[in-house]
Each structure stands twice: as C-alpha cells, then as structure tokens.
C-alpha cells in the first residue's frame, strides 16, 4: 500500500493591493486549539485557521534553518476570521 501525502491549500500570489494582517507573537491562551483548515507546509511559511475558547484566529508559522517562529492574528468571533482566512488564501491579505 502506498502512502499518499495530503496537501493543504497553497496561498495565492500576493496581490499589489493587499491588507497587512496584525501579526502578534503566539501566547498560550487556551488548553486546546483546534485547527479547522491549514495551508500546505511544503513552504517555509504556512498558516492554520484555528478555533479555541469560542474564538477564532489565524496562526502563521515560519521556519528558517530549523527554527520555527509562530505568530497569530487577533482572536475574535468566527465570521471576520473566516473572511480573513479567505483573503489570505487568495493573496489579498498577508
């Protein structure tokens, strides 16, 4: 049986007119975080759409020379974060 690797989404090319996400250092705020969606981790930077404590946020992980740096978007209610996630995927936010 061959093992098949399942990729997540790839982030679209950054558009000329794009929103800058307010990335903040990761802080331990919840015991458990559920990853709802993720981008493919085949690139140095990948993203996760997360839910914890009744709120949602986007987590960004950047790997460079074996060191991972993690940032998060502001935690808020689901509708604006899901919209942010879509903008991130199409390249109109970064």
N, C-alpha and C. Protein backbone atom coordinates (compact mmCIF):
# COMPACT_ATOMS: atom_id res chain seq x y z
N UNK A 1 0.85 -1.17 0.00
CA UNK A 1 0.00 0.00 0.00
C UNK A 1 0.89 1.24 0.00
N UNK A 2 0.66 2.17 -0.90
CA UNK A 2 1.48 3.38 -0.96
C UNK A 2 0.89 4.45 -0.04
N UNK A 3 1.78 5.18 0.58
CA UNK A 3 1.34 6.26 1.46
C UNK A 3 1.16 7.52 0.62
N UNK A 4 -0.02 8.10 0.70
CA UNK A 4 -0.32 9.29 -0.08
C UNK A 4 -0.29 10.51 0.84
N UNK A 5 0.45 11.54 0.42
CA UNK A 5 0.54 12.75 1.23
C UNK A 5 -0.60 13.69 0.84
N UNK A 6 -1.30 14.19 1.83
CA UNK A 6 -2.41 15.09 1.58
C UNK A 6 -1.95 16.52 1.86
N UNK A 7 -1.98 17.33 0.83
CA UNK A 7 -1.56 18.73 0.95
C UNK A 7 -2.75 19.59 1.35
N UNK A 8 -2.44 20.69 2.03
CA UNK A 8 -3.44 21.71 2.30
C UNK A 8 -3.46 22.68 1.14
N UNK A 9 -4.17 23.75 1.30
CA UNK A 9 -4.23 24.80 0.29
C UNK A 9 -2.85 25.43 0.11
N UNK A 10 -2.61 26.00 -1.04
CA UNK A 10 -1.45 26.86 -1.24
C UNK A 10 -1.95 28.29 -1.26
N UNK A 11 -1.23 29.19 -0.61
CA UNK A 11 -1.60 30.59 -0.56
C UNK A 11 -1.36 31.19 -1.94
N UNK A 12 -2.33 31.98 -2.41
CA UNK A 12 -2.21 32.63 -3.71
C UNK A 12 -1.13 33.69 -3.71
N UNK A 13 -0.73 34.08 -4.92
CA UNK A 13 0.28 35.13 -5.07
C UNK A 13 -0.22 36.42 -4.43
N UNK A 14 0.67 37.11 -3.77
CA UNK A 14 0.32 38.35 -3.08
C UNK A 14 -0.10 39.40 -4.10
N UNK A 15 -1.28 39.95 -3.93
CA UNK A 15 -1.80 40.98 -4.82
C UNK A 15 -1.16 42.32 -4.48
N UNK A 16 -1.05 43.18 -5.48
CA UNK A 16 -0.43 44.50 -5.29
C UNK A 16 -1.13 45.27 -4.17
N UNK A 17 -2.44 45.31 -4.22
CA UNK A 17 -3.22 45.96 -3.17
C UNK A 17 -3.64 44.87 -2.19
N UNK A 18 -2.99 44.83 -1.04
CA UNK A 18 -3.31 43.79 -0.06
C UNK A 18 -3.34 44.37 1.35
N UNK A 19 -4.03 43.66 2.20
CA UNK A 19 -4.18 44.03 3.61
C UNK A 19 -3.02 43.44 4.40
N UNK A 20 -2.50 44.21 5.33
CA UNK A 20 -1.47 43.69 6.24
C UNK A 20 -2.16 43.16 7.49
N UNK A 21 -1.92 41.92 7.80
CA UNK A 21 -2.52 41.30 8.98
C UNK A 21 -1.72 41.74 10.20
N UNK A 22 -2.42 42.01 11.27
CA UNK A 22 -1.80 42.43 12.54
C UNK A 22 -1.26 41.20 13.26
N UNK A 23 -0.09 40.71 12.82
CA UNK A 23 0.51 39.52 13.42
C UNK A 23 1.09 39.86 14.78
N UNK A 24 0.80 38.98 15.75
CA UNK A 24 1.27 39.16 17.12
C UNK A 24 1.97 37.87 17.57
N UNK A 25 2.94 37.98 18.46
CA UNK A 25 3.60 36.76 18.96
C UNK A 25 2.57 35.81 19.58
N UNK A 26 2.80 34.53 19.38
CA UNK A 26 1.92 33.50 19.93
C UNK A 26 1.96 33.55 21.46
N UNK A 27 0.78 33.49 22.07
CA UNK A 27 0.66 33.45 23.53
C UNK A 27 -0.19 32.24 23.92
N UNK A 28 0.17 31.54 24.99
CA UNK A 28 -0.66 30.40 25.42
C UNK A 28 -1.94 30.91 26.08
N UNK A 29 -3.06 30.85 25.36
CA UNK A 29 -4.33 31.38 25.87
C UNK A 29 -5.36 30.31 26.14
N UNK A 30 -5.18 29.14 25.56
CA UNK A 30 -6.18 28.08 25.70
C UNK A 30 -5.48 26.74 25.86
N UNK A 31 -6.14 25.84 26.58
CA UNK A 31 -5.59 24.49 26.78
C UNK A 31 -5.54 23.70 25.48
N UNK A 32 -6.58 23.92 24.64
CA UNK A 32 -6.66 23.18 23.38
C UNK A 32 -6.99 24.13 22.25
N UNK A 33 -6.35 23.90 21.13
CA UNK A 33 -6.62 24.67 19.90
C UNK A 33 -6.97 23.66 18.82
N UNK A 34 -8.09 23.89 18.15
CA UNK A 34 -8.50 23.02 17.05
C UNK A 34 -8.15 23.70 15.74
N UNK A 35 -7.41 23.00 14.89
CA UNK A 35 -7.07 23.51 13.57
C UNK A 35 -8.19 23.10 12.62
N UNK A 36 -8.90 24.10 12.09
CA UNK A 36 -10.03 23.85 11.19
C UNK A 36 -9.57 23.63 9.75
N UNK A 37 -8.60 24.43 9.30
CA UNK A 37 -8.03 24.32 7.96
C UNK A 37 -6.56 24.71 8.05
N UNK A 38 -5.81 24.35 7.02
CA UNK A 38 -4.39 24.71 7.01
C UNK A 38 -3.91 24.81 5.58
N UNK A 39 -2.83 25.56 5.41
CA UNK A 39 -2.18 25.59 4.10
C UNK A 39 -1.10 24.52 4.11
N UNK A 40 -0.60 24.23 2.93
CA UNK A 40 0.42 23.19 2.79
C UNK A 40 1.70 23.62 3.51
N UNK A 41 2.30 22.69 4.22
CA UNK A 41 3.53 23.01 4.96
C UNK A 41 4.79 22.70 4.14
N UNK A 42 4.64 22.60 2.82
CA UNK A 42 5.80 22.35 1.97
C UNK A 42 6.62 23.62 1.75
N UNK A 43 6.10 24.76 2.19
CA UNK A 43 6.82 26.03 2.07
C UNK A 43 7.31 26.46 3.44
N UNK A 44 8.22 27.42 3.45
CA UNK A 44 8.81 27.88 4.71
C UNK A 44 7.77 28.51 5.63
N UNK A 45 6.75 29.16 5.05
CA UNK A 45 5.69 29.77 5.85
C UNK A 45 4.38 29.08 5.54
N UNK A 46 3.67 28.67 6.57
CA UNK A 46 2.35 28.08 6.38
C UNK A 46 1.40 28.63 7.43
N UNK A 47 0.12 28.46 7.18
CA UNK A 47 -0.93 29.08 8.00
C UNK A 47 -1.95 28.05 8.45
N UNK A 48 -2.59 28.33 9.60
CA UNK A 48 -3.65 27.47 10.12
C UNK A 48 -4.81 28.34 10.58
N UNK A 49 -6.01 27.93 10.22
CA UNK A 49 -7.22 28.57 10.71
C UNK A 49 -7.60 27.81 11.98
N UNK A 50 -7.60 28.51 13.11
CA UNK A 50 -7.74 27.86 14.41
C UNK A 50 -8.96 28.34 15.19
N UNK A 51 -9.44 27.47 16.07
CA UNK A 51 -10.54 27.79 16.97
C UNK A 51 -10.13 27.37 18.38
N UNK A 52 -10.39 28.27 19.34
CA UNK A 52 -10.11 27.95 20.75
C UNK A 52 -10.92 28.88 21.63
N UNK A 53 -11.45 28.37 22.70
CA UNK A 53 -12.17 29.19 23.67
C UNK A 53 -13.33 29.98 23.07
N UNK A 54 -13.98 29.45 22.04
CA UNK A 54 -15.11 30.12 21.42
C UNK A 54 -14.73 31.21 20.43
N UNK A 55 -13.42 31.38 20.18
CA UNK A 55 -12.94 32.40 19.24
C UNK A 55 -12.12 31.74 18.15
N UNK A 56 -11.84 32.51 17.09
CA UNK A 56 -11.02 32.00 16.01
C UNK A 56 -9.86 32.95 15.76
N UNK A 57 -8.82 32.43 15.12
CA UNK A 57 -7.65 33.22 14.75
C UNK A 57 -6.88 32.46 13.68
N UNK A 58 -5.96 33.15 13.02
CA UNK A 58 -5.08 32.52 12.04
C UNK A 58 -3.69 32.46 12.66
N UNK A 59 -3.08 31.30 12.59
CA UNK A 59 -1.72 31.11 13.10
C UNK A 59 -0.77 31.04 11.89
N UNK A 60 0.35 31.77 11.98
CA UNK A 60 1.37 31.75 10.92
C UNK A 60 2.64 31.16 11.50
N UNK A 61 3.17 30.15 10.85
CA UNK A 61 4.43 29.54 11.26
C UNK A 61 5.45 29.72 10.15
N UNK A 62 6.60 30.27 10.51
CA UNK A 62 7.69 30.46 9.55
C UNK A 62 8.89 29.67 10.04
N UNK A 63 9.43 28.83 9.17
CA UNK A 63 10.60 28.01 9.51
C UNK A 63 11.82 28.52 8.74
N UNK A 64 12.89 28.72 9.46
CA UNK A 64 14.14 29.16 8.84
C UNK A 64 15.29 28.48 9.57
N UNK A 65 16.07 27.70 8.84
CA UNK A 65 17.23 26.99 9.40
C UNK A 65 16.88 26.20 10.67
N UNK A 66 15.77 25.50 10.63
CA UNK A 66 15.37 24.65 11.73
C UNK A 66 14.70 25.34 12.90
N UNK A 67 14.49 26.65 12.79
CA UNK A 67 13.83 27.40 13.87
C UNK A 67 12.44 27.84 13.39
N UNK A 68 11.42 27.54 14.16
CA UNK A 68 10.05 27.93 13.81
C UNK A 68 9.65 29.15 14.64
N UNK A 69 9.12 30.16 13.95
CA UNK A 69 8.61 31.36 14.60
C UNK A 69 7.11 31.40 14.34
N UNK A 70 6.33 31.55 15.42
CA UNK A 70 4.87 31.48 15.31
C UNK A 70 4.26 32.81 15.72
N UNK A 71 3.32 33.28 14.89
CA UNK A 71 2.54 34.48 15.18
C UNK A 71 1.07 34.16 15.00
N UNK A 72 0.21 35.00 15.58
CA UNK A 72 -1.23 34.81 15.47
C UNK A 72 -1.89 36.13 15.09
N UNK A 73 -2.98 36.01 14.36
CA UNK A 73 -3.82 37.18 14.12
C UNK A 73 -4.61 37.43 15.41
N UNK A 74 -5.26 38.58 15.53
CA UNK A 74 -6.10 38.79 16.72
C UNK A 74 -7.20 37.71 16.82
N UNK A 75 -7.48 37.31 18.05
CA UNK A 75 -8.55 36.35 18.31
C UNK A 75 -9.87 37.11 18.33
N UNK A 76 -10.85 36.58 17.59
CA UNK A 76 -12.16 37.24 17.57
C UNK A 76 -13.23 36.23 17.14
N UNK A 77 -14.44 36.72 16.96
CA UNK A 77 -15.55 35.84 16.56
C UNK A 77 -15.29 35.28 15.17
N UNK A 78 -15.97 34.22 14.83
CA UNK A 78 -15.64 33.44 13.64
C UNK A 78 -15.82 34.17 12.31
N UNK A 79 -16.88 34.91 12.11
CA UNK A 79 -17.16 35.48 10.79
C UNK A 79 -16.01 36.34 10.24
N UNK A 80 -15.48 37.32 10.99
CA UNK A 80 -14.38 38.10 10.44
C UNK A 80 -13.09 37.29 10.23
N UNK A 81 -12.84 36.29 11.05
CA UNK A 81 -11.62 35.49 10.89
C UNK A 81 -11.75 34.58 9.68
N UNK A 82 -12.94 34.01 9.45
CA UNK A 82 -13.13 33.19 8.27
C UNK A 82 -12.98 34.03 7.00
N UNK A 83 -13.44 35.28 7.02
CA UNK A 83 -13.26 36.19 5.88
C UNK A 83 -11.78 36.52 5.69
N UNK A 84 -11.06 36.74 6.79
CA UNK A 84 -9.62 36.98 6.72
C UNK A 84 -8.90 35.78 6.11
N UNK A 85 -9.28 34.60 6.52
CA UNK A 85 -8.69 33.36 6.00
C UNK A 85 -8.84 33.30 4.48
N UNK A 86 -10.01 33.62 3.98
CA UNK A 86 -10.24 33.60 2.53
C UNK A 86 -9.38 34.65 1.83
N UNK A 87 -9.27 35.84 2.41
CA UNK A 87 -8.42 36.88 1.82
C UNK A 87 -6.95 36.44 1.80
N UNK A 88 -6.53 35.77 2.86
CA UNK A 88 -5.16 35.24 2.92
C UNK A 88 -4.94 34.22 1.79
N UNK A 89 -5.89 33.31 1.60
CA UNK A 89 -5.74 32.28 0.58
C UNK A 89 -5.68 32.84 -0.83
N UNK A 90 -6.40 33.93 -1.11
CA UNK A 90 -6.40 34.47 -2.47
C UNK A 90 -5.32 35.53 -2.68
N UNK A 91 -4.54 35.83 -1.64
CA UNK A 91 -3.43 36.76 -1.77
C UNK A 91 -3.77 38.21 -1.54
N UNK A 92 -4.96 38.49 -1.01
CA UNK A 92 -5.32 39.88 -0.74
C UNK A 92 -5.07 40.28 0.71
N UNK A 93 -4.43 39.40 1.47
CA UNK A 93 -4.01 39.70 2.84
C UNK A 93 -2.73 38.91 3.09
N UNK A 94 -1.84 39.48 3.88
CA UNK A 94 -0.62 38.76 4.26
C UNK A 94 -0.08 39.32 5.50
